[in-house]
Amino acid sequence: MGVFQNLGVEPIINASGTVTRLGGAPMHASTLAAMREAAENWVPIEQLQGAASNLISEVTGAEAGMVTSGAAAGLTLGAAAIMTGDDLGLMERLPQTDGSANEFIMAREQRSGYDHAVRASGAKIVEVGFNEIVSGAGVRRTEIWEYEAAIGERTAGIFYVFTNDSVPPLEEVVACAKRHQLPVLVDAAGELPPRSNLRWVVSTGADLVTFSGGKAIRGPQSTGILCGRQKLVGAAALQMLDMDDHPELWQPPEELIQRPAASGLPRHGIGRGMKVSKEEIVGLLTALEMFVKGEYVSDLEHYRSYLQTIQEALAPTSTNATIIESSDGERWPILEVQLKDPQHDAFAICQNLRQGKPPIYLGHGKLSCGILVVNPVCLNTESANILGQRLLEEMS
């Protein structure tokens, strides 16, 4: 019996990838060893976050950085930092923001459930643009003038969700923001790889950027990175750290936190419930170094072989199983299984796989198109063989 079975929970075959709901990416043995060592020793967390800032700055080019409890927490803390700066009174009042600049301008087409993380800080989203392509009403997307037209005295900053096809380009949005002395908070949670994005997004001049730590970086699933301007990252740290110390004794790391200009220190901030353990910080930093050095690239051939195993198992069926390679040569390939037989219901197949033994979870992003998606990052040789056989049974 394993640890999960002892708790009455059946382990699954995860063919859906690094998704949060299934536990994130597999951590490397070196990461797990570092976390175990960290668990057996104690350090002041602000000093450890200062060391994290040094490494994050080195790999991203940002002035400072910190480890957060996921990219979503980074968004909440980043929005909070933009609204408060080092004003202790504003920190104390969050998420109450009445009477202060609390609006973040955001393209309507970039909105999703994830922007709840920004709103949790007390910020308000001001939408610009229209999603005309999706609605079938036109061909235009959000334009720079729409950001500028929305800027007012309550505007705190601009919130931008970065993907390969985000419009307008991030560089243009940053340039617009700088013309109006506004900071830009960027959600780049899932935009690794390529590894170059770690530096490129920051190089646009964006003031704060978040990345997920539990996806391609393969750190603890509950970790993330917030990096950017030191003053803002420091303000975010002040609102997350345990601040129960005498002001006369507290010595924050200068590379991360500039002591507030006002006398005294803030109380526990809005991010106190988003604390990160010493084990998670060390695990993320260990994984980040491995990711930057390209030490995961060698795994791609294994992932490809798992998909080929499943592809070969499906050869006797009428399905079209295609391996889709990444364009950057860093992201793992995926397998798309196009169902041709109308008697095969993609949702029913997924449900049957989940209810089998062991349960199997496929990628479900294209089920409405009759396509099953297999992500190999959490598979191994044994689970790939089981998955191939189970799929064959469902389609026979």
Protein backbone atom coordinates (compact mmCIF):
# COMPACT_ATOMS: atom_id res chain seq x y z
CA MET A 1 0.00 0.00 0.00
CA GLY A 2 1.26 3.43 -0.89
CA VAL A 3 0.75 6.74 0.88
CA PHE A 4 -2.34 7.58 -1.19
CA GLN A 5 -3.94 4.15 -0.80
CA ASN A 6 -3.42 4.42 2.96
CA LEU A 7 -5.60 7.52 2.81
CA GLY A 8 -8.21 5.80 0.69
CA VAL A 9 -7.31 7.65 -2.52
CA GLU A 10 -6.49 5.71 -5.69
CA PRO A 11 -3.44 6.97 -7.65
CA ILE A 12 -4.15 7.73 -11.30
CA ILE A 13 -2.32 7.65 -14.61
CA ASN A 14 -1.96 11.32 -15.43
CA ALA A 15 -2.03 11.84 -19.21
CA SER A 16 -3.31 15.40 -18.80
CA GLY A 17 0.03 17.00 -17.92
CA THR A 18 1.12 19.52 -15.32
CA VAL A 19 -2.37 20.69 -14.39
CA THR A 20 -3.03 21.84 -10.85
CA ARG A 21 -6.08 19.66 -10.32
CA LEU A 22 -3.98 16.50 -10.77
CA GLY A 23 -0.93 17.57 -8.79
CA GLY A 24 1.39 19.36 -11.22
CA ALA A 25 4.66 18.28 -12.81
CA PRO A 26 6.94 15.44 -11.69
CA MET A 27 9.78 16.78 -9.55
CA HIS A 28 13.34 15.66 -10.23
CA ALA A 29 15.17 13.58 -7.62
CA SER A 30 17.56 16.49 -7.01
CA THR A 31 14.64 18.77 -6.20
CA LEU A 32 13.15 16.26 -3.77
CA ALA A 33 16.54 15.77 -2.08
CA ALA A 34 16.99 19.53 -1.67
CA MET A 35 13.53 19.83 -0.12
CA ARG A 36 14.27 17.02 2.31
CA GLU A 37 17.50 18.72 3.40
CA ALA A 38 15.68 22.02 3.81
CA ALA A 39 13.09 20.31 6.03
CA GLU A 40 15.84 19.31 8.46
CA ASN A 41 17.22 22.84 8.94
CA TRP A 42 15.89 26.31 9.79
CA VAL A 43 16.58 29.78 8.38
CA PRO A 44 14.89 33.20 8.56
CA ILE A 45 12.42 33.10 5.66
CA GLU A 46 13.09 36.72 4.62
CA GLN A 47 16.78 35.88 4.23
CA LEU A 48 15.93 32.82 2.17
CA GLN A 49 13.66 34.96 -0.01
CA GLY A 50 16.58 37.37 -0.38
CA ALA A 51 18.73 34.52 -1.70
CA ALA A 52 15.86 33.57 -3.99
CA SER A 53 15.78 37.15 -5.27
CA ASN A 54 19.44 36.92 -6.24
CA LEU A 55 18.94 33.76 -8.29
CA ILE A 56 15.68 34.92 -9.87
CA SER A 57 17.31 38.23 -10.81
CA GLU A 58 20.21 36.37 -12.40
CA VAL A 59 18.04 34.15 -14.60
CA THR A 60 15.36 36.71 -15.52
CA GLY A 61 17.26 39.99 -15.67
CA ALA A 62 14.78 41.55 -13.23
CA GLU A 63 15.86 43.82 -10.39
CA ALA A 64 14.39 41.46 -7.79
CA GLY A 65 12.25 38.37 -7.41
CA MET A 66 10.56 36.17 -4.85
CA VAL A 67 9.01 32.72 -4.59
CA THR A 68 5.23 32.79 -4.23
CA SER A 69 2.61 30.17 -3.48
CA GLY A 70 1.81 29.76 -7.16
CA ALA A 71 1.51 32.24 -10.03
CA ALA A 72 -2.00 33.23 -8.90
CA ALA A 73 -0.63 34.35 -5.53
CA GLY A 74 1.97 36.32 -7.46
CA LEU A 75 -0.84 38.17 -9.22
CA THR A 76 -2.60 38.99 -5.96
CA LEU A 77 0.63 40.17 -4.34
CA GLY A 78 1.70 42.04 -7.46
CA ALA A 79 -1.58 43.93 -7.69
CA ALA A 80 -1.40 44.70 -3.97
CA ALA A 81 2.15 46.02 -4.30
CA ILE A 82 1.19 48.28 -7.20
CA MET A 83 -1.72 49.74 -5.25
CA THR A 84 0.19 50.30 -1.99
CA GLY A 85 3.84 50.86 -2.83
CA ASP A 86 5.50 51.17 0.59
CA ASP A 87 2.53 52.98 2.18
CA LEU A 88 1.87 51.11 5.42
CA GLY A 89 -1.59 52.57 5.80
CA LEU A 90 -2.69 51.34 2.39
CA MET A 91 -1.22 47.90 3.14
CA GLU A 92 -3.22 47.74 6.35
CA ARG A 93 -6.50 48.59 4.60
CA LEU A 94 -6.37 46.04 1.77
CA PRO A 95 -8.60 44.66 0.32
CA GLN A 96 -10.53 47.89 1.06
CA THR A 97 -9.42 50.26 -1.68
CA ASP A 98 -12.15 52.91 -1.74
CA GLY A 99 -10.69 56.36 -2.22
CA SER A 100 -7.39 55.18 -3.72
CA ALA A 101 -6.18 54.23 -7.20
CA ASN A 102 -7.42 50.66 -7.55
CA GLU A 103 -8.28 50.10 -11.22
CA PHE A 104 -6.34 47.82 -13.56
CA ILE A 105 -6.98 48.17 -17.27
CA MET A 106 -7.25 44.83 -19.06
CA ALA A 107 -8.17 43.66 -22.55
CA ARG A 108 -11.61 42.03 -22.47
CA GLU A 109 -10.35 39.13 -24.59
CA GLN A 110 -7.66 38.34 -21.97
CA ARG A 111 -10.12 37.90 -19.11
CA SER A 112 -10.53 34.51 -17.44
CA GLY A 113 -11.19 32.95 -14.06
CA TYR A 114 -7.53 33.51 -13.22
CA ASP A 115 -7.97 37.28 -13.02
CA HIS A 116 -9.89 36.63 -9.80
CA ALA A 117 -6.39 36.60 -8.27
CA VAL A 118 -5.98 40.28 -9.13
CA ARG A 119 -9.46 41.18 -7.91
CA ALA A 120 -8.77 39.38 -4.61
CA SER A 121 -6.34 42.17 -3.69
CA GLY A 122 -9.14 44.73 -3.78
CA ALA A 123 -8.38 45.79 -7.35
CA LYS A 124 -11.09 46.47 -9.90
CA ILE A 125 -10.80 45.37 -13.54
CA VAL A 126 -11.60 47.94 -16.24
CA GLU A 127 -12.18 46.13 -19.55
CA VAL A 128 -11.14 47.55 -22.90
CA GLY A 129 -11.62 46.24 -26.44
CA PHE A 130 -14.04 43.63 -27.73
CA ASN A 131 -13.65 39.94 -28.51
CA GLU A 132 -15.07 40.47 -31.99
CA ILE A 133 -13.43 37.46 -33.62
CA VAL A 134 -14.94 35.00 -31.14
CA SER A 135 -18.36 36.66 -31.31
CA GLY A 136 -18.29 36.68 -35.12
CA ALA A 137 -18.84 40.43 -35.15
CA GLY A 138 -15.62 41.53 -36.84
CA VAL A 139 -11.90 41.05 -37.33
CA ARG A 140 -10.33 43.60 -34.97
CA ARG A 141 -8.77 42.91 -31.60
CA THR A 142 -7.88 45.19 -28.68
CA GLU A 143 -5.92 48.27 -29.74
CA ILE A 144 -3.54 50.59 -27.88
CA TRP A 145 -5.79 53.65 -28.10
CA GLU A 146 -8.40 51.77 -26.10
CA TYR A 147 -5.99 51.38 -23.19
CA GLU A 148 -5.13 55.08 -23.33
CA ALA A 149 -8.79 56.12 -23.49
CA ALA A 150 -9.52 54.16 -20.30
CA ILE A 151 -6.78 55.77 -18.17
CA GLY A 152 -8.16 57.94 -15.37
CA GLU A 153 -7.32 59.21 -11.91
CA ARG A 154 -8.29 55.87 -10.33
CA THR A 155 -6.03 53.84 -12.65
CA ALA A 156 -3.39 51.92 -10.68
CA GLY A 157 -1.85 49.95 -13.54
CA ILE A 158 -2.35 47.67 -16.52
CA PHE A 159 -2.84 43.92 -16.24
CA TYR A 160 -1.68 41.90 -19.26
CA VAL A 161 -1.97 38.16 -19.95
CA PHE A 162 0.99 37.11 -22.08
CA THR A 163 0.74 34.34 -24.67
CA ASN A 164 2.36 33.87 -28.08
CA ASP A 165 -0.61 35.51 -29.78
CA SER A 166 -1.63 38.17 -27.25
CA VAL A 167 -2.69 41.43 -28.86
CA PRO A 168 -1.60 44.22 -28.71
CA PRO A 169 2.03 43.07 -28.33
CA LEU A 170 3.34 43.36 -24.78
CA GLU A 171 6.06 45.81 -25.84
CA GLU A 172 3.46 48.25 -27.16
CA VAL A 173 1.35 48.00 -24.01
CA VAL A 174 4.43 48.64 -21.84
CA ALA A 175 5.36 51.67 -23.95
CA CYS A 176 1.82 53.01 -23.57
CA ALA A 177 1.95 52.50 -19.80
CA LYS A 178 5.29 54.27 -19.48
CA ARG A 179 3.91 57.31 -21.31
CA HIS A 180 1.39 57.57 -18.49
CA GLN A 181 3.71 56.51 -15.61
CA LEU A 182 1.71 53.37 -14.98
CA PRO A 183 3.11 49.95 -13.96
CA VAL A 184 2.33 46.78 -15.93
CA LEU A 185 1.59 43.46 -14.21
CA VAL A 186 2.06 40.45 -16.52
CA ASP A 187 0.61 36.96 -16.13
CA ALA A 188 3.03 34.60 -17.92
CA ALA A 189 2.20 31.61 -15.74
CA GLY A 190 2.16 28.93 -18.43
CA GLU A 191 4.51 30.53 -20.96
CA LEU A 192 7.53 28.34 -20.25
CA PRO A 193 9.15 26.90 -22.25
CA PRO A 194 10.87 28.33 -24.17
CA ARG A 195 13.40 29.15 -21.48
CA SER A 196 14.11 32.44 -23.24
CA ASN A 197 10.73 33.76 -22.06
CA LEU A 198 12.14 34.03 -18.53
CA ARG A 199 14.26 36.95 -19.72
CA TRP A 200 12.29 38.20 -22.71
CA VAL A 201 9.07 39.07 -20.85
CA VAL A 202 11.03 41.04 -18.25
CA SER A 203 13.11 42.74 -20.96
CA THR A 204 10.00 44.42 -22.37
CA GLY A 205 10.07 46.74 -19.37
CA ALA A 206 7.10 45.13 -17.63
CA ASP A 207 7.17 46.11 -13.97
CA LEU A 208 6.04 42.79 -12.46
CA VAL A 209 5.89 39.34 -14.08
CA THR A 210 4.57 36.05 -12.73
CA PHE A 211 5.57 32.53 -13.80
CA SER A 212 4.31 29.18 -12.56
CA GLY A 213 6.86 27.12 -10.64
CA GLY A 214 5.02 23.81 -10.85
CA LYS A 215 4.70 23.37 -14.60
CA ALA A 216 7.70 23.36 -16.97
CA ILE A 217 10.11 24.43 -14.21
CA ARG A 218 9.02 21.28 -12.36
CA GLY A 219 9.26 22.76 -8.89
CA PRO A 220 6.69 22.16 -6.14
CA GLN A 221 3.24 22.50 -7.68
CA SER A 222 2.20 25.20 -5.24
CA THR A 223 5.06 27.57 -6.13
CA GLY A 224 5.46 30.48 -8.50
CA ILE A 225 7.76 33.39 -9.27
CA LEU A 226 7.08 37.12 -8.99
CA CYS A 227 9.85 39.25 -10.44
CA GLY A 228 10.41 42.80 -11.63
CA ARG A 229 11.17 46.18 -10.09
CA GLN A 230 12.74 45.90 -6.65
CA LYS A 231 10.47 48.46 -5.01
CA LEU A 232 7.36 46.58 -6.11
CA VAL A 233 8.69 43.08 -5.38
CA GLY A 234 9.74 44.33 -1.94
CA ALA A 235 6.27 45.74 -1.30
CA ALA A 236 4.80 42.37 -2.27
CA ALA A 237 7.19 40.58 0.09
CA LEU A 238 6.23 42.89 2.97
CA GLN A 239 2.61 41.88 2.49
CA MET A 240 3.35 38.14 2.47
CA LEU A 241 6.05 37.58 5.09
CA ASP A 242 5.47 36.87 8.76
CA MET A 243 5.95 40.36 10.20
CA ASP A 244 5.65 39.44 13.88
CA ASP A 245 9.01 40.84 14.95
CA HIS A 246 10.28 43.89 16.82
CA PRO A 247 11.09 46.72 14.38
CA GLU A 248 14.38 47.23 16.23
CA LEU A 249 15.44 43.65 15.51
CA TRP A 250 14.10 43.09 12.00
CA GLN A 251 16.84 43.06 9.36
CA PRO A 252 15.40 42.47 5.89
CA PRO A 253 17.68 41.49 3.00
CA GLU A 254 18.51 44.70 1.12
CA GLU A 255 18.52 42.94 -2.25
CA LEU A 256 14.81 42.25 -1.81
CA ILE A 257 13.24 44.72 0.62
CA GLN A 258 13.78 48.42 1.11
CA ARG A 259 12.59 49.37 4.58
CA PRO A 260 9.42 51.48 4.37
CA ALA A 261 10.06 55.20 4.45
CA ALA A 262 7.51 55.55 7.24
CA SER A 263 8.52 54.62 10.76
CA GLY A 264 7.50 51.16 11.85
CA LEU A 265 6.62 47.98 10.01
CA PRO A 266 3.39 46.70 8.47
CA ARG A 267 1.33 44.07 10.28
CA HIS A 268 0.61 40.74 8.61
CA GLY A 269 -0.51 41.65 5.10
CA ILE A 270 -3.10 40.52 2.62
CA GLY A 271 -0.71 37.80 1.43
CA ARG A 272 -0.14 36.21 4.83
CA GLY A 273 -2.29 33.24 3.84
CA MET A 274 -0.08 32.82 0.76
CA LYS A 275 3.06 31.97 2.73
CA VAL A 276 5.71 29.73 1.19
CA SER A 277 7.67 27.19 3.24
CA LYS A 278 11.44 26.92 3.29
CA GLU A 279 11.13 23.52 1.61
CA GLU A 280 9.09 24.96 -1.25
CA ILE A 281 11.48 27.89 -1.75
CA VAL A 282 14.50 25.57 -1.92
CA GLY A 283 12.64 23.14 -4.17
CA LEU A 284 11.65 25.86 -6.62
CA LEU A 285 15.17 27.33 -6.75
CA THR A 286 16.71 23.89 -7.32
CA ALA A 287 14.24 23.14 -10.11
CA LEU A 288 14.71 26.62 -11.62
CA GLU A 289 18.46 26.13 -11.94
CA MET A 290 17.91 22.77 -13.66
CA PHE A 291 15.33 24.28 -16.00
CA VAL A 292 17.57 27.18 -17.00
CA LYS A 293 20.48 24.83 -17.71
CA GLY A 294 18.26 22.75 -20.01
CA GLU A 295 18.57 19.61 -17.92
CA TYR A 296 15.01 18.53 -18.73
CA VAL A 297 15.49 18.60 -22.50
CA SER A 298 16.92 15.08 -22.47
CA ASP A 299 13.53 13.82 -21.23
CA LEU A 300 11.85 14.77 -24.51
CA GLU A 301 12.96 11.56 -26.23
CA HIS A 302 11.41 9.49 -23.43
CA TYR A 303 8.15 11.43 -23.76
CA ARG A 304 8.16 10.83 -27.51
CA SER A 305 8.66 7.08 -27.01
CA TYR A 306 5.66 6.93 -24.64
CA LEU A 307 3.47 8.56 -27.26
CA GLN A 308 4.75 6.20 -29.95
CA THR A 309 3.83 3.25 -27.71
CA ILE A 310 0.25 4.53 -27.48
CA GLN A 311 0.19 5.35 -31.19
CA GLU A 312 1.24 1.81 -32.07
CA ALA A 313 -1.37 0.32 -29.74
CA LEU A 314 -4.08 2.24 -31.62
CA ALA A 315 -2.87 1.17 -35.07
CA PRO A 316 -5.63 -1.50 -35.48
CA THR A 317 -8.37 1.10 -34.95
CA SER A 318 -9.87 3.64 -37.33
CA THR A 319 -8.56 6.58 -35.34
CA ASN A 320 -5.94 9.05 -36.47
CA ALA A 321 -3.30 9.30 -33.71
CA THR A 322 -0.83 12.10 -34.45
CA ILE A 323 2.19 13.21 -32.46
CA ILE A 324 2.37 17.02 -32.38
CA GLU A 325 5.88 18.39 -31.91
CA SER A 326 6.62 21.78 -30.35
CA SER A 327 8.07 24.52 -32.51
CA ASP A 328 10.64 25.62 -29.90
CA GLY A 329 12.25 22.20 -29.39
CA GLU A 330 11.87 22.53 -25.62
CA ARG A 331 8.24 21.76 -24.88
CA TRP A 332 7.22 18.11 -24.76
CA PRO A 333 5.25 16.65 -27.71
CA ILE A 334 1.62 15.62 -27.31
CA LEU A 335 -0.53 12.97 -28.96
CA GLU A 336 -3.87 13.88 -30.50
CA VAL A 337 -6.30 11.04 -31.15
CA GLN A 338 -9.02 12.06 -33.62
CA LEU A 339 -12.10 9.85 -33.29
CA LYS A 340 -13.59 8.93 -36.67
CA ASP A 341 -16.25 6.43 -35.65
CA PRO A 342 -19.45 8.35 -34.69
CA GLN A 343 -20.18 5.62 -32.15
CA HIS A 344 -17.13 6.72 -30.21
CA ASP A 345 -18.07 9.56 -27.86
CA ALA A 346 -14.97 11.43 -26.64
CA PHE A 347 -16.61 12.42 -23.35
CA ALA A 348 -17.78 8.84 -22.72
CA ILE A 349 -14.31 7.45 -23.40
CA CYS A 350 -12.76 9.95 -20.96
CA GLN A 351 -15.35 9.09 -18.35
CA ASN A 352 -14.78 5.34 -18.78
CA LEU A 353 -11.03 5.81 -18.44
CA ARG A 354 -11.45 7.82 -15.27
CA GLN A 355 -13.68 5.14 -13.76
CA GLY A 356 -11.36 2.24 -14.61
CA LYS A 357 -8.55 0.75 -12.56
CA PRO A 358 -6.20 2.45 -12.45
CA PRO A 359 -8.08 5.65 -13.28
CA ILE A 360 -6.69 7.43 -16.35
CA TYR A 361 -7.07 11.15 -16.93
CA LEU A 362 -6.61 12.42 -20.49
CA GLY A 363 -6.31 16.01 -21.63
CA HIS A 364 -9.86 17.24 -22.09
CA GLY A 365 -9.34 20.53 -23.96
CA LYS A 366 -10.53 19.21 -27.33
CA LEU A 367 -13.22 16.71 -26.38
CA SER A 368 -15.93 18.80 -28.03
CA CYS A 369 -14.03 18.33 -31.32
CA GLY A 370 -13.84 14.55 -30.86
CA ILE A 371 -10.12 14.67 -30.05
CA LEU A 372 -8.44 12.91 -27.14
CA VAL A 373 -5.19 14.55 -26.00
CA VAL A 374 -2.34 12.67 -24.33
CA ASN A 375 0.31 14.71 -22.52
CA PRO A 376 3.32 12.49 -21.69
CA VAL A 377 5.14 14.54 -19.04
CA CYS A 378 3.73 12.50 -16.13
CA LEU A 379 3.88 9.10 -17.87
CA ASN A 380 6.44 6.29 -17.79
CA THR A 381 6.92 3.12 -19.83
CA GLU A 382 4.48 1.08 -17.75
CA SER A 383 1.72 3.68 -17.67
CA ALA A 384 2.09 4.35 -21.42
CA ASN A 385 1.54 0.64 -22.14
CA ILE A 386 -1.51 0.54 -19.86
CA LEU A 387 -2.94 3.67 -21.47
CA GLY A 388 -2.45 2.32 -24.98
CA GLN A 389 -4.19 -0.93 -24.10
CA ARG A 390 -7.09 0.80 -22.35
CA LEU A 391 -7.64 3.14 -25.29
CA LEU A 392 -7.61 0.18 -27.67
CA GLU A 393 -10.24 -1.56 -25.55
CA GLU A 394 -12.47 1.52 -25.56
CA MET A 395 -12.33 1.80 -29.32
CA SER A 396 -12.68 -1.88 -30.23
